[in-house]
Amino acid sequence: MLSQMSTELIKKCMISLELSAEHALTYTASLKIGSAPASTISKETKVPRSTTYNLLNDLSKIGLVSIVDGERKKIFTPNPPEILLDLLKQKRNELKSNIVKFESELEELSTLYKSHSPQFPKVTYFEGEKGLKTALYDTLVAETESLAICQGHETGKESIMDEPQFLADYMEQERIRKIKLRQLLQDNSVNRDYKIKTESGRNQIILIPPEPIIKIDHVDKCIYANKVSYISHDNLIAVITEDKTIANAERALFERLWRFYSKEKNTKLVNS
């Protein structure tokens, strides 16, 4: 008498061999009954005789059942379950071989896929003080110029950039890596003080008027390499988008703003 576990195992094995649950049921019944015509096995499985006959023929093709022509009927005899194990091992070896072959062709297939598929931007999300610091440090990977638009904040509010040790370390890394930086900063007391202390030939800063209508929280945008980062200091969240097209579009917009405020700055200097 086959246990429920053995019956279920045979079913799973048959499905692994791309056969059906009915094939498993038929083979299990054959093991129980022994040599018998299709009609007897059909009564055991309660599967129609014509279907049982076809199932037994399928099983005979892979060696799980033998067929002997009787005087009036065909007799189906189950073969040892070890054959089922051999079939599974053969299937496993075929899969291993196909995996090895597929891995060798994967680079070519991936190249073909990428040539026709849309290239979606890579978006990374950060939160909390640790997340914001990670996002800020990521801006130091730029090998070319970094561009930043920062709202900043008024005296009385604090952000991660106000931590003396973090700011000192961040600016030291900028210096060591010789990162060139252009910044458009909202004109307020904090940013005016920052401009006085940090502006240099490597770090150019233009102060721009605050938005008079829409209240904007302390959000910084930085464009570097093929990335654009958006950092909300008040909400302690940051998002970095990595996509060359998006980065270039943001870079072009920044350049327009830089030229506009550079011209406005020069006009004020001449008039003064």
C-alpha atoms as a PDB file:
ATOM      1  CA  MET A   1       0.000   0.000   0.000  1.00  0.00           C
ATOM      2  CA  LEU A   2       1.523   3.286  -1.089  1.00  0.00           C
ATOM      3  CA  SER A   3       1.610   6.072   1.465  1.00  0.00           C
ATOM      4  CA  GLN A   4       0.136   9.494   0.699  1.00  0.00           C
ATOM      5  CA  MET A   5       3.665  10.931   0.731  1.00  0.00           C
ATOM      6  CA  SER A   6       4.888   8.436  -1.901  1.00  0.00           C
ATOM      7  CA  THR A   7       1.837   9.123  -4.065  1.00  0.00           C
ATOM      8  CA  GLU A   8       2.433  12.879  -3.933  1.00  0.00           C
ATOM      9  CA  LEU A   9       6.135  12.375  -4.643  1.00  0.00           C
ATOM     10  CA  ILE A  10       5.394  10.339  -7.775  1.00  0.00           C
ATOM     11  CA  LYS A  11       3.007  13.086  -8.893  1.00  0.00           C
ATOM     12  CA  LYS A  12       5.712  15.763  -8.480  1.00  0.00           C
ATOM     13  CA  CYS A  13       8.240  13.591 -10.310  1.00  0.00           C
ATOM     14  CA  MET A  14       5.880  13.079 -13.239  1.00  0.00           C
ATOM     15  CA  ILE A  15       5.251  16.810 -13.494  1.00  0.00           C
ATOM     16  CA  SER A  16       9.035  17.371 -13.482  1.00  0.00           C
ATOM     17  CA  LEU A  17       9.186  15.059 -16.501  1.00  0.00           C
ATOM     18  CA  GLU A  18       6.508  17.201 -18.210  1.00  0.00           C
ATOM     19  CA  LEU A  19       3.822  14.590 -17.653  1.00  0.00           C
ATOM     20  CA  SER A  20       0.523  15.067 -15.836  1.00  0.00           C
ATOM     21  CA  ALA A  21      -1.037  14.209 -12.493  1.00  0.00           C
ATOM     22  CA  GLU A  22      -3.120  11.597 -14.353  1.00  0.00           C
ATOM     23  CA  HIS A  23       0.074   9.901 -15.558  1.00  0.00           C
ATOM     24  CA  ALA A  24       1.178   9.707 -11.917  1.00  0.00           C
ATOM     25  CA  LEU A  25      -2.194   8.338 -10.859  1.00  0.00           C
ATOM     26  CA  THR A  26      -2.098   5.692 -13.595  1.00  0.00           C
ATOM     27  CA  TYR A  27       1.465   4.577 -12.786  1.00  0.00           C
ATOM     28  CA  THR A  28       0.655   4.443  -9.060  1.00  0.00           C
ATOM     29  CA  ALA A  29      -2.406   2.285  -9.773  1.00  0.00           C
ATOM     30  CA  SER A  30      -0.304  -0.001 -11.976  1.00  0.00           C
ATOM     31  CA  LEU A  31       2.208  -0.456  -9.169  1.00  0.00           C
ATOM     32  CA  LYS A  32      -0.638  -1.418  -6.816  1.00  0.00           C
ATOM     33  CA  ILE A  33      -2.396  -3.811  -9.194  1.00  0.00           C
ATOM     34  CA  GLY A  34       0.502  -5.313 -11.154  1.00  0.00           C
ATOM     35  CA  SER A  35      -0.047  -6.707 -14.661  1.00  0.00           C
ATOM     36  CA  ALA A  36      -3.532  -5.788 -15.853  1.00  0.00           C
ATOM     37  CA  PRO A  37      -5.532  -4.542 -18.835  1.00  0.00           C
ATOM     38  CA  ALA A  38      -6.354  -0.865 -19.182  1.00  0.00           C
ATOM     39  CA  SER A  39      -9.948  -1.484 -18.070  1.00  0.00           C
ATOM     40  CA  THR A  40      -8.829  -2.753 -14.653  1.00  0.00           C
ATOM     41  CA  ILE A  41      -6.482   0.177 -14.112  1.00  0.00           C
ATOM     42  CA  SER A  42      -9.255   2.532 -15.236  1.00  0.00           C
ATOM     43  CA  LYS A  43     -11.559   1.199 -12.519  1.00  0.00           C
ATOM     44  CA  GLU A  44      -8.857   1.812  -9.910  1.00  0.00           C
ATOM     45  CA  THR A  45      -8.139   5.389 -11.027  1.00  0.00           C
ATOM     46  CA  LYS A  46     -11.737   6.256 -12.035  1.00  0.00           C
ATOM     47  CA  VAL A  47     -10.305   7.752 -15.227  1.00  0.00           C
ATOM     48  CA  PRO A  48     -12.137   6.852 -18.479  1.00  0.00           C
ATOM     49  CA  ARG A  49     -10.758   3.697 -20.122  1.00  0.00           C
ATOM     50  CA  SER A  50      -9.869   5.402 -23.407  1.00  0.00           C
ATOM     51  CA  THR A  51      -7.910   8.075 -21.515  1.00  0.00           C
ATOM     52  CA  THR A  52      -6.230   5.433 -19.333  1.00  0.00           C
ATOM     53  CA  TYR A  53      -5.178   3.545 -22.452  1.00  0.00           C
ATOM     54  CA  ASN A  54      -3.503   6.671 -23.846  1.00  0.00           C
ATOM     55  CA  LEU A  55      -1.847   7.402 -20.501  1.00  0.00           C
ATOM     56  CA  LEU A  56      -0.422   3.874 -20.339  1.00  0.00           C
ATOM     57  CA  ASN A  57       0.934   4.217 -23.873  1.00  0.00           C
ATOM     58  CA  ASP A  58       2.676   7.447 -22.826  1.00  0.00           C
ATOM     59  CA  LEU A  59       4.209   5.682 -19.827  1.00  0.00           C
ATOM     60  CA  SER A  60       5.388   2.800 -22.006  1.00  0.00           C
ATOM     61  CA  LYS A  61       7.258   5.246 -24.281  1.00  0.00           C
ATOM     62  CA  ILE A  62       9.487   6.354 -21.390  1.00  0.00           C
ATOM     63  CA  GLY A  63       9.925   2.831 -19.999  1.00  0.00           C
ATOM     64  CA  LEU A  64       7.697   2.994 -16.912  1.00  0.00           C
ATOM     65  CA  VAL A  65       5.227   0.439 -18.253  1.00  0.00           C
ATOM     66  CA  SER A  66       5.657  -2.622 -20.472  1.00  0.00           C
ATOM     67  CA  ILE A  67       2.977  -3.793 -22.906  1.00  0.00           C
ATOM     68  CA  VAL A  68       2.303  -7.430 -23.735  1.00  0.00           C
ATOM     69  CA  ASP A  69      -0.313  -8.483 -26.292  1.00  0.00           C
ATOM     70  CA  GLY A  70      -2.712 -10.923 -24.625  1.00  0.00           C
ATOM     71  CA  GLU A  71      -5.199 -13.201 -26.357  1.00  0.00           C
ATOM     72  CA  ARG A  72      -7.944 -10.576 -26.342  1.00  0.00           C
ATOM     73  CA  LYS A  73      -6.469  -7.526 -24.583  1.00  0.00           C
ATOM     74  CA  LYS A  74      -3.209  -5.748 -24.124  1.00  0.00           C
ATOM     75  CA  ILE A  75      -1.681  -6.278 -20.696  1.00  0.00           C
ATOM     76  CA  PHE A  76       0.176  -3.425 -19.021  1.00  0.00           C
ATOM     77  CA  THR A  77       2.892  -4.255 -16.503  1.00  0.00           C
ATOM     78  CA  PRO A  78       4.590  -1.650 -14.301  1.00  0.00           C
ATOM     79  CA  ASN A  79       8.367  -1.428 -14.508  1.00  0.00           C
ATOM     80  CA  PRO A  80      10.508  -0.815 -11.389  1.00  0.00           C
ATOM     81  CA  PRO A  81      10.334   2.703  -9.859  1.00  0.00           C
ATOM     82  CA  GLU A  82      14.127   2.884 -10.191  1.00  0.00           C
ATOM     83  CA  ILE A  83      13.469   3.728 -13.858  1.00  0.00           C
ATOM     84  CA  LEU A  84      11.600   6.824 -12.708  1.00  0.00           C
ATOM     85  CA  LEU A  85      14.668   7.805 -10.688  1.00  0.00           C
ATOM     86  CA  ASP A  86      16.893   7.269 -13.746  1.00  0.00           C
ATOM     87  CA  LEU A  87      14.577   9.486 -15.812  1.00  0.00           C
ATOM     88  CA  LEU A  88      14.793  12.242 -13.195  1.00  0.00           C
ATOM     89  CA  LYS A  89      18.592  12.026 -13.135  1.00  0.00           C
ATOM     90  CA  GLN A  90      18.663  12.233 -16.921  1.00  0.00           C
ATOM     91  CA  LYS A  91      16.418  15.288 -16.765  1.00  0.00           C
ATOM     92  CA  ARG A  92      18.683  16.861 -14.140  1.00  0.00           C
ATOM     93  CA  ASN A  93      21.774  16.289 -16.279  1.00  0.00           C
ATOM     94  CA  GLU A  94      20.045  17.816 -19.303  1.00  0.00           C
ATOM     95  CA  LEU A  95      19.119  20.860 -17.228  1.00  0.00           C
ATOM     96  CA  LYS A  96      22.695  21.232 -15.965  1.00  0.00           C
ATOM     97  CA  SER A  97      24.012  21.006 -19.502  1.00  0.00           C
ATOM     98  CA  ASN A  98      21.489  23.574 -20.730  1.00  0.00           C
ATOM     99  CA  ILE A  99      22.371  25.930 -17.860  1.00  0.00           C
ATOM    100  CA  VAL A 100      26.069  25.785 -18.784  1.00  0.00           C
ATOM    101  CA  LYS A 101      25.297  26.380 -22.457  1.00  0.00           C
ATOM    102  CA  PHE A 102      22.884  29.218 -21.631  1.00  0.00           C
ATOM    103  CA  GLU A 103      25.426  30.922 -19.387  1.00  0.00           C
ATOM    104  CA  SER A 104      27.958  30.876 -22.235  1.00  0.00           C
ATOM    105  CA  GLU A 105      25.445  32.592 -24.532  1.00  0.00           C
ATOM    106  CA  LEU A 106      23.972  34.960 -21.936  1.00  0.00           C
ATOM    107  CA  GLU A 107      26.150  37.956 -22.782  1.00  0.00           C
ATOM    108  CA  GLU A 108      25.187  37.817 -26.459  1.00  0.00           C
ATOM    109  CA  LEU A 109      21.490  37.376 -25.597  1.00  0.00           C
ATOM    110  CA  SER A 110      21.599  40.279 -23.117  1.00  0.00           C
ATOM    111  CA  THR A 111      23.196  42.510 -25.742  1.00  0.00           C
ATOM    112  CA  LEU A 112      20.431  41.595 -28.169  1.00  0.00           C
ATOM    113  CA  TYR A 113      17.771  42.327 -25.530  1.00  0.00           C
ATOM    114  CA  LYS A 114      19.283  45.710 -24.647  1.00  0.00           C
ATOM    115  CA  SER A 115      19.447  46.737 -28.310  1.00  0.00           C
ATOM    116  CA  HIS A 116      15.636  46.660 -28.546  1.00  0.00           C
ATOM    117  CA  SER A 117      14.422  47.243 -24.990  1.00  0.00           C
ATOM    118  CA  PRO A 118      13.869  50.586 -23.293  1.00  0.00           C
ATOM    119  CA  GLN A 119      16.583  51.555 -20.837  1.00  0.00           C
ATOM    120  CA  PHE A 120      14.832  52.382 -17.589  1.00  0.00           C
ATOM    121  CA  PRO A 121      16.524  54.744 -15.154  1.00  0.00           C
ATOM    122  CA  LYS A 122      17.991  53.271 -11.994  1.00  0.00           C
ATOM    123  CA  VAL A 123      16.299  54.889  -8.994  1.00  0.00           C
ATOM    124  CA  THR A 124      17.623  54.526  -5.428  1.00  0.00           C
ATOM    125  CA  TYR A 125      15.746  55.680  -2.343  1.00  0.00           C
ATOM    126  CA  PHE A 126      17.277  56.692   1.005  1.00  0.00           C
ATOM    127  CA  GLU A 127      15.761  57.744   4.314  1.00  0.00           C
ATOM    128  CA  GLY A 128      16.888  58.846   7.755  1.00  0.00           C
ATOM    129  CA  GLU A 129      20.054  60.706   8.684  1.00  0.00           C
ATOM    130  CA  LYS A 130      22.268  57.774   7.689  1.00  0.00           C
ATOM    131  CA  GLY A 131      20.498  57.514   4.327  1.00  0.00           C
ATOM    132  CA  LEU A 132      20.934  61.227   3.619  1.00  0.00           C
ATOM    133  CA  LYS A 133      24.631  61.060   4.435  1.00  0.00           C
ATOM    134  CA  THR A 134      25.003  58.110   2.051  1.00  0.00           C
ATOM    135  CA  ALA A 135      23.210  60.071  -0.687  1.00  0.00           C
ATOM    136  CA  LEU A 136      25.381  63.146  -0.070  1.00  0.00           C
ATOM    137  CA  TYR A 137      28.606  61.124  -0.130  1.00  0.00           C
ATOM    138  CA  ASP A 138      27.489  59.592  -3.436  1.00  0.00           C
ATOM    139  CA  THR A 139      27.817  63.048  -5.046  1.00  0.00           C
ATOM    140  CA  LEU A 140      31.565  62.778  -4.459  1.00  0.00           C
ATOM    141  CA  VAL A 141      31.907  60.067  -7.134  1.00  0.00           C
ATOM    142  CA  ALA A 142      31.754  62.699  -9.904  1.00  0.00           C
ATOM    143  CA  GLU A 143      34.853  62.784 -12.070  1.00  0.00           C
ATOM    144  CA  THR A 144      33.597  65.897 -13.845  1.00  0.00           C
ATOM    145  CA  GLU A 145      31.939  69.057 -12.573  1.00  0.00           C
ATOM    146  CA  SER A 146      29.037  68.819 -10.129  1.00  0.00           C
ATOM    147  CA  LEU A 147      26.115  71.211 -10.355  1.00  0.00           C
ATOM    148  CA  ALA A 148      23.819  71.995  -7.436  1.00  0.00           C
ATOM    149  CA  ILE A 149      20.649  73.960  -6.798  1.00  0.00           C
ATOM    150  CA  CYS A 150      20.028  74.341  -3.091  1.00  0.00           C
ATOM    151  CA  GLN A 151      17.168  76.021  -1.261  1.00  0.00           C
ATOM    152  CA  GLY A 152      19.086  76.096   1.982  1.00  0.00           C
ATOM    153  CA  HIS A 153      17.431  77.150   5.238  1.00  0.00           C
ATOM    154  CA  GLU A 154      17.207  80.138   7.500  1.00  0.00           C
ATOM    155  CA  THR A 155      19.012  80.524  10.812  1.00  0.00           C
ATOM    156  CA  GLY A 156      17.332  78.487  13.530  1.00  0.00           C
ATOM    157  CA  LYS A 157      16.758  75.376  11.440  1.00  0.00           C
ATOM    158  CA  GLU A 158      19.336  72.640  11.240  1.00  0.00           C
ATOM    159  CA  SER A 159      20.237  70.006   8.668  1.00  0.00           C
ATOM    160  CA  ILE A 160      22.832  67.294   8.312  1.00  0.00           C
ATOM    161  CA  MET A 161      25.082  69.774   6.523  1.00  0.00           C
ATOM    162  CA  ASP A 162      25.187  71.792   9.764  1.00  0.00           C
ATOM    163  CA  GLU A 163      26.972  68.986  11.600  1.00  0.00           C
ATOM    164  CA  PRO A 164      30.521  70.377  11.869  1.00  0.00           C
ATOM    165  CA  GLN A 165      32.295  67.017  11.575  1.00  0.00           C
ATOM    166  CA  PHE A 166      30.209  65.816   8.625  1.00  0.00           C
ATOM    167  CA  LEU A 167      30.525  69.107   6.731  1.00  0.00           C
ATOM    168  CA  ALA A 168      34.293  69.258   7.366  1.00  0.00           C
ATOM    169  CA  ASP A 169      34.770  65.673   6.166  1.00  0.00           C
ATOM    170  CA  TYR A 170      32.538  66.222   3.116  1.00  0.00           C
ATOM    171  CA  MET A 171      34.388  69.375   2.053  1.00  0.00           C
ATOM    172  CA  GLU A 172      37.755  67.725   2.661  1.00  0.00           C
ATOM    173  CA  GLN A 173      36.738  64.877   0.340  1.00  0.00           C
ATOM    174  CA  GLU A 174      35.709  67.450  -2.269  1.00  0.00           C
ATOM    175  CA  ARG A 175      39.141  69.046  -1.950  1.00  0.00           C
ATOM    176  CA  ILE A 176      41.054  65.759  -2.135  1.00  0.00           C
ATOM    177  CA  ARG A 177      39.108  64.592  -5.175  1.00  0.00           C
ATOM    178  CA  LYS A 178      39.467  68.044  -6.771  1.00  0.00           C
ATOM    179  CA  ILE A 179      35.771  68.161  -7.571  1.00  0.00           C
ATOM    180  CA  LYS A 180      34.684  71.316  -9.356  1.00  0.00           C
ATOM    181  CA  LEU A 181      31.358  72.631  -8.158  1.00  0.00           C
ATOM    182  CA  ARG A 182      28.929  75.301  -9.285  1.00  0.00           C
ATOM    183  CA  GLN A 183      26.041  76.096  -6.987  1.00  0.00           C
ATOM    184  CA  LEU A 184      22.880  78.158  -7.247  1.00  0.00           C
ATOM    185  CA  LEU A 185      21.888  78.886  -3.652  1.00  0.00           C
ATOM    186  CA  GLN A 186      18.839  80.639  -2.327  1.00  0.00           C
ATOM    187  CA  ASP A 187      19.802  84.047  -0.983  1.00  0.00           C
ATOM    188  CA  ASN A 188      19.494  83.937   2.785  1.00  0.00           C
ATOM    189  CA  SER A 189      21.715  84.584   5.785  1.00  0.00           C
ATOM    190  CA  VAL A 190      22.945  81.003   6.094  1.00  0.00           C
ATOM    191  CA  ASN A 191      23.914  80.719   2.420  1.00  0.00           C
ATOM    192  CA  ARG A 192      25.526  84.179   2.383  1.00  0.00           C
ATOM    193  CA  ASP A 193      27.742  83.084   5.259  1.00  0.00           C
ATOM    194  CA  TYR A 194      28.478  79.779   3.471  1.00  0.00           C
ATOM    195  CA  LYS A 195      29.440  81.657   0.290  1.00  0.00           C
ATOM    196  CA  ILE A 196      31.882  83.901   2.174  1.00  0.00           C
ATOM    197  CA  LYS A 197      33.569  80.919   3.854  1.00  0.00           C
ATOM    198  CA  THR A 198      33.767  78.428   0.977  1.00  0.00           C
ATOM    199  CA  GLU A 199      33.694  80.141  -2.427  1.00  0.00           C
ATOM    200  CA  SER A 200      36.815  79.613  -4.542  1.00  0.00           C
ATOM    201  CA  GLY A 201      37.844  79.049  -8.138  1.00  0.00           C
ATOM    202  CA  ARG A 202      36.892  75.410  -7.680  1.00  0.00           C
ATOM    203  CA  ASN A 203      33.619  76.170  -5.869  1.00  0.00           C
ATOM    204  CA  GLN A 204      31.607  78.888  -7.621  1.00  0.00           C
ATOM    205  CA  ILE A 205      28.430  80.162  -6.002  1.00  0.00           C
ATOM    206  CA  ILE A 206      25.640  82.450  -7.189  1.00  0.00           C
ATOM    207  CA  LEU A 207      22.949  83.533  -4.738  1.00  0.00           C
ATOM    208  CA  ILE A 208      19.488  83.635  -6.289  1.00  0.00           C
ATOM    209  CA  PRO A 209      16.308  85.305  -4.985  1.00  0.00           C
ATOM    210  CA  PRO A 210      13.943  83.127  -2.952  1.00  0.00           C
ATOM    211  CA  GLU A 211      10.670  82.033  -4.517  1.00  0.00           C
ATOM    212  CA  PRO A 212       8.164  84.745  -3.469  1.00  0.00           C
ATOM    213  CA  ILE A 213       4.950  82.739  -3.867  1.00  0.00           C
ATOM    214  CA  ILE A 214       5.577  79.036  -3.304  1.00  0.00           C
ATOM    215  CA  LYS A 215       6.980  78.019   0.072  1.00  0.00           C
ATOM    216  CA  ILE A 216       9.834  75.606  -0.566  1.00  0.00           C
ATOM    217  CA  ASP A 217      11.329  73.361   2.092  1.00  0.00           C
ATOM    218  CA  HIS A 218      15.044  72.686   2.367  1.00  0.00           C
ATOM    219  CA  VAL A 219      15.552  70.562  -0.762  1.00  0.00           C
ATOM    220  CA  ASP A 220      18.834  70.231  -2.652  1.00  0.00           C
ATOM    221  CA  LYS A 221      19.325  68.986  -6.205  1.00  0.00           C
ATOM    222  CA  CYS A 222      22.724  67.850  -7.409  1.00  0.00           C
ATOM    223  CA  ILE A 223      23.646  66.861 -10.966  1.00  0.00           C
ATOM    224  CA  TYR A 224      26.796  64.765 -11.288  1.00  0.00           C
ATOM    225  CA  ALA A 225      28.093  62.059 -13.634  1.00  0.00           C
ATOM    226  CA  ASN A 226      24.903  60.460 -15.037  1.00  0.00           C
ATOM    227  CA  LYS A 227      22.993  61.007 -11.810  1.00  0.00           C
ATOM    228  CA  VAL A 228      20.567  63.498 -10.312  1.00  0.00           C
ATOM    229  CA  SER A 229      19.999  63.499  -6.556  1.00  0.00           C
ATOM    230  CA  TYR A 230      17.076  65.117  -4.750  1.00  0.00           C
ATOM    231  CA  ILE A 231      17.659  65.549  -1.026  1.00  0.00           C
ATOM    232  CA  SER A 232      14.929  66.722   1.345  1.00  0.00           C
ATOM    233  CA  HIS A 233      16.663  67.739   4.580  1.00  0.00           C
ATOM    234  CA  ASP A 234      13.421  68.513   6.414  1.00  0.00           C
ATOM    235  CA  ASN A 235      11.831  65.144   5.596  1.00  0.00           C
ATOM    236  CA  LEU A 236      15.081  63.144   5.801  1.00  0.00           C
ATOM    237  CA  ILE A 237      14.569  61.440   2.446  1.00  0.00           C
ATOM    238  CA  ALA A 238      16.643  61.332  -0.727  1.00  0.00           C
ATOM    239  CA  VAL A 239      16.221  59.921  -4.225  1.00  0.00           C
ATOM    240  CA  ILE A 240      19.012  59.363  -6.741  1.00  0.00           C
ATOM    241  CA  THR A 241      18.118  58.822 -10.400  1.00  0.00           C
ATOM    242  CA  GLU A 242      20.814  57.359 -12.657  1.00  0.00           C
ATOM    243  CA  ASP A 243      20.142  57.981 -16.339  1.00  0.00           C
ATOM    244  CA  LYS A 244      22.294  59.838 -18.870  1.00  0.00           C
ATOM    245  CA  THR A 245      19.347  61.432 -20.692  1.00  0.00           C
ATOM    246  CA  ILE A 246      17.756  62.743 -17.497  1.00  0.00           C
ATOM    247  CA  ALA A 247      21.096  63.991 -16.152  1.00  0.00           C
ATOM    248  CA  ASN A 248      21.841  65.834 -19.403  1.00  0.00           C
ATOM    249  CA  ALA A 249      18.381  67.432 -19.422  1.00  0.00           C
ATOM    250  CA  GLU A 250      18.869  68.673 -15.859  1.00  0.00           C
ATOM    251  CA  ARG A 251      22.388  69.830 -16.733  1.00  0.00           C
ATOM    252  CA  ALA A 252      21.057  71.871 -19.685  1.00  0.00           C
ATOM    253  CA  LEU A 253      18.412  73.490 -17.463  1.00  0.00           C
ATOM    254  CA  PHE A 254      21.041  74.353 -14.870  1.00  0.00           C
ATOM    255  CA  GLU A 255      23.223  75.985 -17.534  1.00  0.00           C
ATOM    256  CA  ARG A 256      20.330  78.207 -18.604  1.00  0.00           C
ATOM    257  CA  LEU A 257      19.741  79.284 -15.021  1.00  0.00           C
ATOM    258  CA  TRP A 258      23.468  79.836 -14.453  1.00  0.00           C
ATOM    259  CA  ARG A 259      23.780  82.066 -17.516  1.00  0.00           C
ATOM    260  CA  PHE A 260      20.672  84.029 -16.537  1.00  0.00           C
ATOM    261  CA  TYR A 261      21.780  84.708 -12.956  1.00  0.00           C
ATOM    262  CA  SER A 262      25.389  85.336 -14.025  1.00  0.00           C
ATOM    263  CA  LYS A 263      24.138  88.047 -16.379  1.00  0.00           C
ATOM    264  CA  GLU A 264      21.882  89.474 -13.650  1.00  0.00           C
ATOM    265  CA  LYS A 265      24.783  89.451 -11.200  1.00  0.00           C
ATOM    266  CA  ASN A 266      27.058  91.256 -13.649  1.00  0.00           C
ATOM    267  CA  THR A 267      24.372  93.834 -14.379  1.00  0.00           C
ATOM    268  CA  LYS A 268      24.010  94.597 -10.660  1.00  0.00           C
ATOM    269  CA  LEU A 269      27.800  94.999 -10.346  1.00  0.00           C
ATOM    270  CA  VAL A 270      27.905  97.438 -13.254  1.00  0.00           C
ATOM    271  CA  ASN A 271      24.966  99.454 -11.914  1.00  0.00           C
ATOM    272  CA  SER A 272      26.494  99.648  -8.450  1.00  0.00           C
END
